[in-house]
N, C-alpha and C. Protein backbone atom coordinates (compact mmCIF):
# COMPACT_ATOMS: atom_id res chain seq x y z
N UNK A 1 188.39 27.25 335.09
CA UNK A 1 187.94 28.42 336.18
C UNK A 1 187.53 29.55 335.28
N UNK A 2 186.36 30.04 335.40
CA UNK A 2 186.08 31.11 334.55
C UNK A 2 186.60 32.65 335.16
N UNK A 3 187.39 33.48 334.48
CA UNK A 3 187.36 34.70 335.26
C UNK A 3 186.54 35.83 335.03
N UNK A 4 186.17 36.30 336.45
CA UNK A 4 185.06 37.45 335.95
C UNK A 4 185.32 38.35 335.30
N UNK A 5 184.47 39.03 334.81
CA UNK A 5 184.66 40.07 333.72
C UNK A 5 184.66 41.51 334.36
N UNK A 6 184.62 41.53 335.90
CA UNK A 6 184.73 42.65 336.57
C UNK A 6 185.37 42.53 337.97
N UNK A 7 186.04 43.31 338.43
CA UNK A 7 186.96 43.37 339.66
C UNK A 7 186.49 44.69 340.02
N UNK A 8 186.43 44.83 341.33
CA UNK A 8 185.86 46.31 341.91
C UNK A 8 187.12 47.10 341.45
N UNK A 9 186.51 48.43 340.94
CA UNK A 9 187.42 49.57 340.61
C UNK A 9 188.22 50.10 341.66
N UNK A 10 187.90 50.23 342.77
CA UNK A 10 188.16 51.02 344.12
C UNK A 10 189.26 50.36 344.47
N UNK A 11 189.55 49.07 344.15
CA UNK A 11 190.69 48.34 344.99
C UNK A 11 191.85 48.41 344.16
N UNK A 12 192.77 47.92 344.82
CA UNK A 12 194.37 47.43 344.03
C UNK A 12 194.27 45.97 344.22
N UNK A 13 195.41 45.46 343.47
CA UNK A 13 195.45 44.21 343.16
C UNK A 13 196.81 43.65 343.34
N UNK A 14 197.33 42.70 343.47
CA UNK A 14 198.60 42.13 343.50
C UNK A 14 198.74 40.71 342.55
N UNK A 15 199.45 40.51 342.13
CA UNK A 15 199.54 39.11 341.09
C UNK A 15 199.64 38.00 342.05
N UNK A 16 199.69 37.86 343.33
CA UNK A 16 199.23 37.01 344.28
C UNK A 16 197.69 36.79 344.63
N UNK A 17 196.99 37.38 343.77
CA UNK A 17 195.50 37.32 343.99
C UNK A 17 194.94 37.97 345.20
N UNK A 18 195.51 39.20 345.75
CA UNK A 18 195.06 39.84 346.75
C UNK A 18 194.45 41.07 346.27
N UNK A 19 193.63 41.64 347.01
CA UNK A 19 193.10 43.18 346.95
C UNK A 19 193.61 44.06 348.09
N UNK A 20 193.56 45.20 347.77
CA UNK A 20 194.08 46.23 348.60
C UNK A 20 193.05 47.57 348.66
N UNK A 21 192.54 47.85 349.93
CA UNK A 21 191.62 48.80 349.79
C UNK A 21 192.39 49.94 350.84
N UNK A 22 192.41 51.17 350.30
CA UNK A 22 192.80 52.11 351.30
C UNK A 22 191.84 53.11 351.93
N UNK A 23 191.83 53.30 353.19
CA UNK A 23 190.88 54.13 353.80
C UNK A 23 191.65 55.10 354.90
N UNK A 24 191.77 56.02 354.80
CA UNK A 24 192.39 57.32 355.42
C UNK A 24 193.91 56.80 355.99
N UNK A 25 194.03 56.71 357.26
CA UNK A 25 195.45 56.04 357.76
C UNK A 25 195.41 54.67 357.43
N UNK A 26 194.66 53.73 357.12
CA UNK A 26 194.59 52.42 357.10
C UNK A 26 194.52 51.97 355.78
N UNK A 27 194.63 50.72 355.67
CA UNK A 27 194.61 49.68 354.63
C UNK A 27 193.98 48.51 354.59
N UNK A 28 193.17 47.68 354.05
CA UNK A 28 192.69 46.62 354.29
C UNK A 28 193.00 45.60 353.24
N UNK A 29 193.30 44.45 353.39
CA UNK A 29 193.59 43.56 352.55
C UNK A 29 192.58 42.05 352.55
N UNK A 30 192.47 41.29 351.41
CA UNK A 30 191.84 40.26 351.47
C UNK A 30 192.36 39.40 350.21
N UNK A 31 191.53 38.48 349.85
CA UNK A 31 191.93 37.75 348.52
C UNK A 31 190.93 38.19 347.50
N UNK A 32 191.34 37.80 346.28
CA UNK A 32 190.07 38.09 345.09
C UNK A 32 189.19 37.04 344.75
N UNK A 33 188.50 37.23 343.96
CA UNK A 33 187.29 36.15 343.74
C UNK A 33 188.07 34.87 343.02
N UNK A 34 189.34 35.06 342.08
CA UNK A 34 189.84 34.35 341.52
C UNK A 34 190.80 33.47 342.45
N UNK A 35 191.20 33.92 343.51
CA UNK A 35 191.70 33.16 344.34
C UNK A 35 190.67 32.40 345.47
N UNK A 36 189.71 32.88 345.90
CA UNK A 36 188.76 32.20 346.46
C UNK A 36 187.97 31.02 345.87
N UNK A 37 187.96 31.35 344.40
CA UNK A 37 187.45 30.23 343.55
C UNK A 37 188.67 28.99 343.61
N UNK A 38 189.65 29.11 343.46
CA UNK A 38 190.61 28.08 343.56
C UNK A 38 190.97 27.54 344.88
N UNK A 39 190.28 28.23 345.91
CA UNK A 39 190.61 27.88 347.26
C UNK A 39 188.97 27.64 347.83
N UNK A 40 188.34 26.97 347.07
CA UNK A 40 187.02 26.66 347.59
C UNK A 40 186.99 25.94 348.78
N UNK A 41 186.47 26.31 349.84
CA UNK A 41 185.97 25.54 351.23
C UNK A 41 187.11 26.18 351.77
N UNK A 42 187.50 27.19 352.04
CA UNK A 42 188.46 27.49 353.05
C UNK A 42 188.32 26.78 354.38
N UNK A 43 189.39 26.33 355.09
CA UNK A 43 189.29 25.95 356.63
C UNK A 43 189.89 26.38 357.63
N UNK A 44 191.09 26.99 357.17
CA UNK A 44 191.99 27.58 358.13
C UNK A 44 192.66 28.86 357.54
N UNK A 45 192.71 30.08 358.34
CA UNK A 45 193.51 31.11 357.84
C UNK A 45 194.59 31.42 359.33
N UNK A 46 195.77 31.38 358.61
CA UNK A 46 196.85 31.85 359.92
C UNK A 46 197.44 33.04 359.54
N UNK A 47 197.58 33.61 360.24
CA UNK A 47 198.08 35.34 360.16
C UNK A 47 199.17 35.58 361.58
N UNK A 48 200.22 35.27 361.59
CA UNK A 48 200.95 35.28 362.90
C UNK A 48 201.29 36.91 363.23
N UNK A 49 201.19 37.85 362.23
CA UNK A 49 201.88 39.10 362.87
C UNK A 49 200.85 40.21 363.22
N UNK A 50 200.67 40.46 364.76
CA UNK A 50 199.76 41.43 365.08
C UNK A 50 200.62 42.73 365.72
N UNK A 51 200.55 43.78 365.16
CA UNK A 51 201.12 44.87 365.83
C UNK A 51 202.68 44.82 365.56
N UNK A 52 202.95 44.26 364.53
CA UNK A 52 204.29 44.31 363.88
C UNK A 52 204.34 44.89 362.51
N UNK A 53 205.40 45.41 362.19
CA UNK A 53 205.59 45.92 360.70
C UNK A 53 206.39 44.96 359.82
N UNK A 54 205.31 44.77 358.63
CA UNK A 54 205.63 43.97 357.71
C UNK A 54 205.92 44.60 356.39
N UNK A 55 206.83 44.09 355.93
CA UNK A 55 207.53 44.93 354.45
C UNK A 55 206.78 44.35 353.56
N UNK A 56 206.44 45.33 352.44
CA UNK A 56 205.82 44.65 351.15
C UNK A 56 206.71 43.44 350.82
N UNK A 57 205.56 42.48 350.21
CA UNK A 57 206.22 41.47 349.66
C UNK A 57 206.87 40.47 350.66
N UNK A 58 206.75 40.82 351.85
CA UNK A 58 207.14 39.74 352.91
C UNK A 58 205.76 38.59 353.26
N UNK A 59 206.16 37.50 353.60
CA UNK A 59 205.17 36.60 353.93
C UNK A 59 204.12 37.03 354.98
N UNK A 60 202.80 37.23 354.93
CA UNK A 60 201.97 37.54 355.72
C UNK A 60 201.15 36.35 356.43
N UNK A 61 200.86 35.48 355.87
CA UNK A 61 200.25 34.18 356.46
C UNK A 61 199.79 33.21 355.37
N UNK A 62 198.88 32.22 355.51
CA UNK A 62 198.46 31.18 354.80
C UNK A 62 197.10 31.00 355.07
N UNK A 63 196.41 30.58 353.96
CA UNK A 63 195.18 30.00 353.88
C UNK A 63 195.15 28.56 353.26
N UNK A 64 194.24 27.87 354.10
CA UNK A 64 194.41 26.29 353.81
C UNK A 64 192.90 25.87 353.53
N UNK A 65 192.83 24.88 352.55
CA UNK A 65 191.59 24.05 352.23
C UNK A 65 192.08 22.89 352.51
N UNK A 66 191.13 21.68 351.95
CA UNK A 66 191.49 20.47 352.11
C UNK A 66 192.47 19.90 350.96
N UNK A 67 192.37 20.74 349.68
CA UNK A 67 192.86 20.39 348.61
C UNK A 67 194.21 21.39 348.48
N UNK A 68 194.34 22.46 348.93
CA UNK A 68 195.22 23.72 348.55
C UNK A 68 195.73 24.37 349.50
N UNK A 69 196.70 25.07 349.60
CA UNK A 69 197.26 26.07 350.59
C UNK A 69 197.84 27.23 349.73
N UNK A 70 197.37 28.41 350.16
CA UNK A 70 197.97 29.41 349.66
C UNK A 70 198.59 30.62 350.67
N UNK A 71 199.92 31.06 350.27
CA UNK A 71 200.64 31.80 350.90
C UNK A 71 200.09 33.22 350.58
N UNK A 72 199.95 34.00 351.72
CA UNK A 72 199.60 35.58 351.55
C UNK A 72 200.98 36.46 351.86
N UNK A 73 201.22 37.37 351.03
CA UNK A 73 202.14 38.13 351.17
C UNK A 73 201.74 39.71 351.42
N UNK A 74 202.33 40.41 352.16
CA UNK A 74 201.99 41.94 352.33
C UNK A 74 202.08 42.78 351.41
N UNK A 75 200.90 43.21 350.64
CA UNK A 75 200.90 44.00 349.63
C UNK A 75 201.38 45.33 349.97
N UNK A 76 201.54 45.89 350.94
CA UNK A 76 202.26 47.46 351.14
C UNK A 76 202.90 47.19 352.68
N UNK A 77 203.96 47.87 352.96
CA UNK A 77 204.46 48.00 354.24
C UNK A 77 203.53 48.48 355.09
N UNK A 78 203.68 48.22 356.07
CA UNK A 78 202.76 48.93 357.17
C UNK A 78 202.61 47.95 358.59
N UNK A 79 202.02 48.52 359.52
CA UNK A 79 201.93 47.59 360.70
C UNK A 79 200.51 47.12 360.71
N UNK A 80 200.35 45.35 361.07
CA UNK A 80 199.32 44.98 361.16
C UNK A 80 198.45 45.27 362.44
N UNK A 81 197.71 46.30 362.03
CA UNK A 81 196.88 46.74 363.36
C UNK A 81 195.86 45.77 363.99
N UNK A 82 195.12 45.15 362.87
CA UNK A 82 194.02 44.28 363.16
C UNK A 82 194.12 42.97 362.55
N UNK A 83 193.64 41.97 362.72
CA UNK A 83 193.28 40.68 361.89
C UNK A 83 191.86 40.67 362.10
N UNK A 84 190.86 40.60 361.04
CA UNK A 84 189.64 40.15 361.10
C UNK A 84 189.39 38.93 361.91
N UNK A 85 188.86 38.98 363.02
CA UNK A 85 188.32 37.95 363.82
C UNK A 85 187.31 36.80 363.10
N UNK A 86 186.59 37.49 362.25
CA UNK A 86 185.61 36.29 361.40
C UNK A 86 186.47 35.14 360.63
N UNK A 87 187.57 35.69 360.13
CA UNK A 87 188.33 34.55 359.65
C UNK A 87 188.87 33.56 360.29
N UNK A 88 188.90 33.71 361.56
CA UNK A 88 189.42 32.50 362.65
C UNK A 88 188.14 31.94 362.97
N UNK A 89 186.75 32.39 363.04
CA UNK A 89 185.73 31.67 363.92
C UNK A 89 185.04 31.38 362.48
N UNK A 90 185.03 31.86 361.34
CA UNK A 90 183.92 31.29 360.31
C UNK A 90 185.02 31.49 358.92
N UNK A 91 186.18 30.83 358.97
CA UNK A 91 187.09 30.89 357.84
C UNK A 91 186.29 30.93 356.48
N UNK A 92 185.37 30.15 356.18
CA UNK A 92 184.60 30.04 354.94
C UNK A 92 183.88 31.45 354.39
N UNK A 93 183.81 32.35 355.40
CA UNK A 93 183.22 33.47 355.01
C UNK A 93 184.19 34.22 353.75
N UNK A 94 185.40 33.82 353.54
CA UNK A 94 186.29 34.28 352.61
C UNK A 94 185.73 33.81 351.38
N UNK A 95 185.06 32.95 351.36
CA UNK A 95 184.70 32.21 350.06
C UNK A 95 183.25 32.77 349.58
N UNK A 96 182.56 33.30 350.73
CA UNK A 96 180.96 33.79 350.78
C UNK A 96 181.14 35.26 350.14
N UNK A 97 182.02 36.01 350.38
CA UNK A 97 181.94 37.42 350.17
C UNK A 97 183.40 37.94 350.02
N UNK A 98 184.32 37.56 349.35
CA UNK A 98 185.59 37.86 349.41
C UNK A 98 186.11 39.45 349.25
N UNK A 99 185.16 40.43 348.65
CA UNK A 99 185.75 41.53 348.61
C UNK A 99 185.29 42.31 349.92
N UNK A 100 184.67 41.92 350.78
CA UNK A 100 184.17 42.33 351.95
C UNK A 100 184.69 41.93 353.22
N UNK A 101 185.25 40.50 353.11
CA UNK A 101 185.88 39.93 354.05
C UNK A 101 187.35 40.20 353.85
N UNK A 102 187.73 41.15 354.84
CA UNK A 102 189.33 41.54 354.85
C UNK A 102 189.90 40.77 355.82
N UNK A 103 191.39 40.60 355.51
CA UNK A 103 192.00 39.64 356.42
C UNK A 103 192.69 40.29 357.62
N UNK A 104 193.24 41.25 357.13
CA UNK A 104 194.23 42.09 358.02
C UNK A 104 193.86 43.57 357.90
N UNK A 105 194.11 44.28 358.92
CA UNK A 105 194.18 45.86 358.59
C UNK A 105 195.38 46.23 359.06
N UNK A 106 196.21 47.29 357.96
CA UNK A 106 197.19 47.72 357.95
C UNK A 106 197.24 49.23 358.29
N UNK A 107 198.09 49.49 359.36
CA UNK A 107 198.28 50.73 359.87
C UNK A 107 199.62 51.34 359.16
N UNK A 108 199.49 52.66 358.87
CA UNK A 108 200.47 53.78 358.20
C UNK A 108 200.81 52.85 356.84
N UNK A 109 199.93 52.45 356.21
CA UNK A 109 200.30 51.78 354.87
C UNK A 109 200.79 52.71 354.07
N UNK A 110 201.73 52.23 353.40
CA UNK A 110 202.82 52.97 352.40
C UNK A 110 201.94 53.04 351.32
N UNK A 111 201.38 54.33 351.13
CA UNK A 111 200.52 54.73 349.81
C UNK A 111 201.35 54.80 348.71
N UNK A 112 202.82 55.21 348.79
CA UNK A 112 203.59 55.59 347.54
C UNK A 112 203.74 54.25 347.00
N UNK A 113 203.27 53.10 347.59
CA UNK A 113 203.61 51.79 347.05
C UNK A 113 202.75 51.33 345.98
N UNK A 114 201.56 52.00 345.94
CA UNK A 114 200.52 52.05 345.12
C UNK A 114 200.76 51.54 343.39
N UNK A 115 201.97 52.17 343.00
CA UNK A 115 202.20 52.38 341.85
C UNK A 115 202.84 50.77 341.53
N UNK A 116 202.99 50.01 342.36
CA UNK A 116 203.79 48.59 342.39
C UNK A 116 202.72 47.71 342.51
N UNK A 117 201.24 48.18 342.56
CA UNK A 117 200.09 47.21 342.41
C UNK A 117 199.27 47.48 341.02
N UNK A 118 198.41 46.60 341.10
CA UNK A 118 197.80 46.58 339.86
C UNK A 118 196.38 47.27 339.85
N UNK A 119 195.71 48.05 338.85
CA UNK A 119 194.38 48.50 338.98
C UNK A 119 193.57 47.27 338.67
N UNK A 120 192.30 47.55 338.49
CA UNK A 120 191.28 46.48 338.40
C UNK A 120 191.62 45.79 336.71
N UNK A 121 191.50 46.48 335.80
CA UNK A 121 191.58 46.55 334.18
C UNK A 121 192.92 45.48 334.23
N UNK A 122 194.09 45.89 334.77
CA UNK A 122 195.23 45.03 334.68
C UNK A 122 195.32 43.86 335.31
N UNK A 123 194.60 43.82 336.59
CA UNK A 123 194.72 42.32 337.20
C UNK A 123 193.57 41.55 336.67
N UNK A 124 192.63 41.96 336.14
CA UNK A 124 191.67 41.25 335.01
C UNK A 124 192.69 40.65 333.76
N UNK A 125 193.44 41.47 333.19
CA UNK A 125 193.97 40.94 332.08
C UNK A 125 195.11 39.82 332.68
N UNK A 126 195.47 40.03 333.85
CA UNK A 126 196.61 39.42 334.39
C UNK A 126 196.01 37.91 334.53
N UNK A 127 194.96 37.80 335.48
CA UNK A 127 194.11 36.90 335.96
C UNK A 127 193.63 35.98 334.57
N UNK A 128 193.26 36.47 333.57
CA UNK A 128 192.74 36.11 332.28
C UNK A 128 194.02 35.20 331.82
N UNK A 129 195.07 35.74 331.80
CA UNK A 129 196.43 35.00 331.02
C UNK A 129 196.90 34.09 331.90
N UNK A 130 196.64 34.14 333.62
CA UNK A 130 197.22 33.02 334.37
C UNK A 130 195.86 32.09 334.04
N UNK A 131 194.91 32.40 333.96
CA UNK A 131 193.87 31.08 333.84
C UNK A 131 194.12 30.59 332.28
N UNK A 132 194.26 31.25 331.46
CA UNK A 132 195.01 30.25 330.00
C UNK A 132 195.93 29.60 330.20
N UNK A 133 196.85 30.10 331.16
CA UNK A 133 198.21 28.95 331.03
C UNK A 133 198.27 27.93 332.01
N UNK A 134 197.03 27.87 332.79
CA UNK A 134 196.99 26.64 333.66
C UNK A 134 196.48 25.55 332.84
N UNK A 135 197.14 24.20 333.18
CA UNK A 135 196.87 23.16 332.57
C UNK A 135 196.02 22.17 333.59
N UNK A 136 194.99 21.64 332.90
CA UNK A 136 193.73 20.64 333.66
C UNK A 136 194.11 19.40 333.77
N UNK A 137 194.14 18.58 334.70
CA UNK A 137 194.37 17.10 334.45
C UNK A 137 193.05 16.44 334.00
């Protein structure tokens, strides 16, 4: 899998291949291009926590394909204010435009936890290293 040489600079990233975008009192999260390529053909997205506070690092949900499954984890502490309805009616939209297809909207996102996330440059380096460490059958 080729790692892109550019990740959107305005986003924050996790080592679990999720992105986070802060907008006023909310944050939005989705999966990165690295993840969507590994999960080609998303079939099901499961996110069970609406209107609940979820702590950073806690289980958030799952993305499934015919070949793989990826657990999602909360990038920052906050309340799940909304789940994108598009991911249930058209889960493949995650593959089509991963940086505009958000999964959840987080209210009262803890912006002080930004220092625990990666910027685009650090995430790109992390992804390159992870890609280099993969073994292919």
